[in-house]
């Protein structure tokens, strides 16, 4: 991707990353590296380094909770889970996204 495209993609990813994390946690609890790998694989995050500060902010805001779970033969992992406040935030985003996305698509498809 060239520089203008990458800048645009980065800005869009930054704007939706929190909600993508909430959507992934809606499916099941996940540990940090698992979340980071899934987001990177989807092209929604550039690295795990940007995810952990976001998870800390989301936890502080009450959108996600966490727990430590011991893994057989390994060190404990910190699993993140969606809270009721996180579910409400995701529902609000889903509603707003549903209103905005078609409008943006319509504008982008318009020909002068």
C-alpha atoms as a PDB file:
ATOM      1  CA  UNK A   1       0.000   0.000   0.000  1.00  0.00           C
ATOM      2  CA  UNK A   2       1.368   3.426  -0.806  1.00  0.00           C
ATOM      3  CA  UNK A   3       1.716   6.169   1.805  1.00  0.00           C
ATOM      4  CA  UNK A   4      -1.667   7.944   1.336  1.00  0.00           C
ATOM      5  CA  UNK A   5      -3.525   4.622   1.373  1.00  0.00           C
ATOM      6  CA  UNK A   6      -1.677   3.428   4.463  1.00  0.00           C
ATOM      7  CA  UNK A   7      -2.386   6.703   6.306  1.00  0.00           C
ATOM      8  CA  UNK A   8      -6.098   6.403   5.541  1.00  0.00           C
ATOM      9  CA  UNK A   9      -6.174   2.732   6.548  1.00  0.00           C
ATOM     10  CA  UNK A  10      -4.350   3.509   9.802  1.00  0.00           C
ATOM     11  CA  UNK A  11      -6.811   6.262  10.708  1.00  0.00           C
ATOM     12  CA  UNK A  12      -9.815   4.052  10.014  1.00  0.00           C
ATOM     13  CA  UNK A  13      -8.335   1.142  11.995  1.00  0.00           C
ATOM     14  CA  UNK A  14      -7.654   3.434  14.966  1.00  0.00           C
ATOM     15  CA  UNK A  15     -11.261   4.568  14.913  1.00  0.00           C
ATOM     16  CA  UNK A  16     -12.800   1.107  14.930  1.00  0.00           C
ATOM     17  CA  UNK A  17     -10.255  -1.041  16.783  1.00  0.00           C
ATOM     18  CA  UNK A  18     -11.997  -0.771  20.155  1.00  0.00           C
ATOM     19  CA  UNK A  19     -15.270  -1.943  18.647  1.00  0.00           C
ATOM     20  CA  UNK A  20     -13.581  -4.777  16.774  1.00  0.00           C
ATOM     21  CA  UNK A  21     -12.140  -5.975  20.083  1.00  0.00           C
ATOM     22  CA  UNK A  22     -15.580  -5.794  21.684  1.00  0.00           C
ATOM     23  CA  UNK A  23     -17.074  -7.770  18.793  1.00  0.00           C
ATOM     24  CA  UNK A  24     -14.423 -10.468  19.096  1.00  0.00           C
ATOM     25  CA  UNK A  25     -14.971 -10.747  22.850  1.00  0.00           C
ATOM     26  CA  UNK A  26     -18.707 -11.050  22.269  1.00  0.00           C
ATOM     27  CA  UNK A  27     -17.989 -14.458  20.698  1.00  0.00           C
ATOM     28  CA  UNK A  28     -15.751 -15.726  23.516  1.00  0.00           C
ATOM     29  CA  UNK A  29     -13.199 -14.690  26.109  1.00  0.00           C
ATOM     30  CA  UNK A  30      -9.697 -14.361  24.670  1.00  0.00           C
ATOM     31  CA  UNK A  31      -6.218 -13.800  26.041  1.00  0.00           C
ATOM     32  CA  UNK A  32      -4.196 -10.803  24.889  1.00  0.00           C
ATOM     33  CA  UNK A  33      -1.827 -12.412  22.382  1.00  0.00           C
ATOM     34  CA  UNK A  34      -4.714 -14.394  20.890  1.00  0.00           C
ATOM     35  CA  UNK A  35      -6.667 -11.173  20.380  1.00  0.00           C
ATOM     36  CA  UNK A  36      -3.632  -9.409  18.934  1.00  0.00           C
ATOM     37  CA  UNK A  37      -2.892 -12.227  16.482  1.00  0.00           C
ATOM     38  CA  UNK A  38      -6.523 -12.343  15.313  1.00  0.00           C
ATOM     39  CA  UNK A  39      -6.604  -8.582  14.750  1.00  0.00           C
ATOM     40  CA  UNK A  40      -3.275  -8.567  12.895  1.00  0.00           C
ATOM     41  CA  UNK A  41      -4.441 -11.485  10.728  1.00  0.00           C
ATOM     42  CA  UNK A  42      -7.514  -9.462   9.750  1.00  0.00           C
ATOM     43  CA  UNK A  43      -5.443  -6.366   9.014  1.00  0.00           C
ATOM     44  CA  UNK A  44      -7.193  -4.462  11.789  1.00  0.00           C
ATOM     45  CA  UNK A  45      -4.128  -3.806  13.916  1.00  0.00           C
ATOM     46  CA  UNK A  46      -0.525  -3.291  13.005  1.00  0.00           C
ATOM     47  CA  UNK A  47       0.914  -4.932  16.125  1.00  0.00           C
ATOM     48  CA  UNK A  48       0.157  -6.297  19.549  1.00  0.00           C
ATOM     49  CA  UNK A  49       1.929  -3.253  21.022  1.00  0.00           C
ATOM     50  CA  UNK A  50      -1.036  -1.055  20.166  1.00  0.00           C
ATOM     51  CA  UNK A  51      -3.549  -3.489  21.646  1.00  0.00           C
ATOM     52  CA  UNK A  52      -2.419  -3.710  25.274  1.00  0.00           C
ATOM     53  CA  UNK A  53      -2.769   0.010  26.059  1.00  0.00           C
ATOM     54  CA  UNK A  54      -6.219  -0.104  24.435  1.00  0.00           C
ATOM     55  CA  UNK A  55      -7.224  -3.118  26.559  1.00  0.00           C
ATOM     56  CA  UNK A  56      -6.048  -1.292  29.687  1.00  0.00           C
ATOM     57  CA  UNK A  57      -8.159   1.766  28.786  1.00  0.00           C
ATOM     58  CA  UNK A  58     -11.147  -0.436  27.979  1.00  0.00           C
ATOM     59  CA  UNK A  59     -10.784  -2.232  31.299  1.00  0.00           C
ATOM     60  CA  UNK A  60     -10.513   1.071  33.157  1.00  0.00           C
ATOM     61  CA  UNK A  61     -13.704   2.236  31.392  1.00  0.00           C
ATOM     62  CA  UNK A  62     -15.499  -0.946  32.466  1.00  0.00           C
ATOM     63  CA  UNK A  63     -15.991  -2.261  28.903  1.00  0.00           C
ATOM     64  CA  UNK A  64     -13.952  -5.420  29.495  1.00  0.00           C
ATOM     65  CA  UNK A  65     -13.007  -7.455  32.512  1.00  0.00           C
ATOM     66  CA  UNK A  66     -10.106  -9.817  32.934  1.00  0.00           C
ATOM     67  CA  UNK A  67      -9.053 -12.912  34.799  1.00  0.00           C
ATOM     68  CA  UNK A  68      -5.858 -14.935  35.031  1.00  0.00           C
ATOM     69  CA  UNK A  69      -6.016 -18.586  34.118  1.00  0.00           C
ATOM     70  CA  UNK A  70      -3.237 -21.095  34.586  1.00  0.00           C
ATOM     71  CA  UNK A  71      -2.340 -23.056  31.477  1.00  0.00           C
ATOM     72  CA  UNK A  72      -1.139 -26.651  31.755  1.00  0.00           C
ATOM     73  CA  UNK A  73       2.644 -26.575  31.677  1.00  0.00           C
ATOM     74  CA  UNK A  74       2.772 -22.846  30.996  1.00  0.00           C
ATOM     75  CA  UNK A  75       2.465 -19.502  32.673  1.00  0.00           C
ATOM     76  CA  UNK A  76      -0.933 -18.033  33.505  1.00  0.00           C
ATOM     77  CA  UNK A  77      -2.711 -16.094  30.769  1.00  0.00           C
ATOM     78  CA  UNK A  78      -4.808 -12.990  31.215  1.00  0.00           C
ATOM     79  CA  UNK A  79      -8.182 -13.537  29.546  1.00  0.00           C
ATOM     80  CA  UNK A  80     -10.406 -10.620  28.621  1.00  0.00           C
ATOM     81  CA  UNK A  81     -14.191 -10.800  28.724  1.00  0.00           C
ATOM     82  CA  UNK A  82     -16.965  -8.509  27.626  1.00  0.00           C
ATOM     83  CA  UNK A  83     -18.874  -6.717  30.400  1.00  0.00           C
ATOM     84  CA  UNK A  84     -22.462  -5.512  30.269  1.00  0.00           C
ATOM     85  CA  UNK A  85     -21.150  -1.999  29.629  1.00  0.00           C
ATOM     86  CA  UNK A  86     -19.048  -3.380  26.759  1.00  0.00           C
ATOM     87  CA  UNK A  87     -22.110  -5.091  25.280  1.00  0.00           C
ATOM     88  CA  UNK A  88     -24.040  -1.816  25.473  1.00  0.00           C
ATOM     89  CA  UNK A  89     -21.164   0.084  23.834  1.00  0.00           C
ATOM     90  CA  UNK A  90     -20.951  -2.493  21.041  1.00  0.00           C
ATOM     91  CA  UNK A  91     -24.718  -2.330  20.483  1.00  0.00           C
ATOM     92  CA  UNK A  92     -24.548   1.469  20.219  1.00  0.00           C
ATOM     93  CA  UNK A  93     -21.619   1.291  17.783  1.00  0.00           C
ATOM     94  CA  UNK A  94     -23.426  -1.311  15.680  1.00  0.00           C
ATOM     95  CA  UNK A  95     -26.458   0.959  15.425  1.00  0.00           C
ATOM     96  CA  UNK A  96     -24.415   4.033  14.512  1.00  0.00           C
ATOM     97  CA  UNK A  97     -22.232   2.083  12.057  1.00  0.00           C
ATOM     98  CA  UNK A  98     -25.388   0.789  10.371  1.00  0.00           C
ATOM     99  CA  UNK A  99     -26.543   4.365   9.822  1.00  0.00           C
ATOM    100  CA  UNK A 100     -23.203   5.821   8.727  1.00  0.00           C
ATOM    101  CA  UNK A 101     -21.737   3.047   6.542  1.00  0.00           C
ATOM    102  CA  UNK A 102     -24.461   3.153   3.863  1.00  0.00           C
ATOM    103  CA  UNK A 103     -24.229   6.961   3.694  1.00  0.00           C
ATOM    104  CA  UNK A 104     -20.462   6.827   3.202  1.00  0.00           C
ATOM    105  CA  UNK A 105     -20.806   4.070   0.597  1.00  0.00           C
ATOM    106  CA  UNK A 106     -23.424   6.115  -1.248  1.00  0.00           C
ATOM    107  CA  UNK A 107     -21.190   9.189  -1.304  1.00  0.00           C
ATOM    108  CA  UNK A 108     -18.215   7.185  -2.511  1.00  0.00           C
ATOM    109  CA  UNK A 109     -20.236   5.677  -5.336  1.00  0.00           C
ATOM    110  CA  UNK A 110     -21.577   9.014  -6.569  1.00  0.00           C
ATOM    111  CA  UNK A 111     -20.160  10.141  -9.868  1.00  0.00           C
ATOM    112  CA  UNK A 112     -19.685  13.819 -10.662  1.00  0.00           C
END
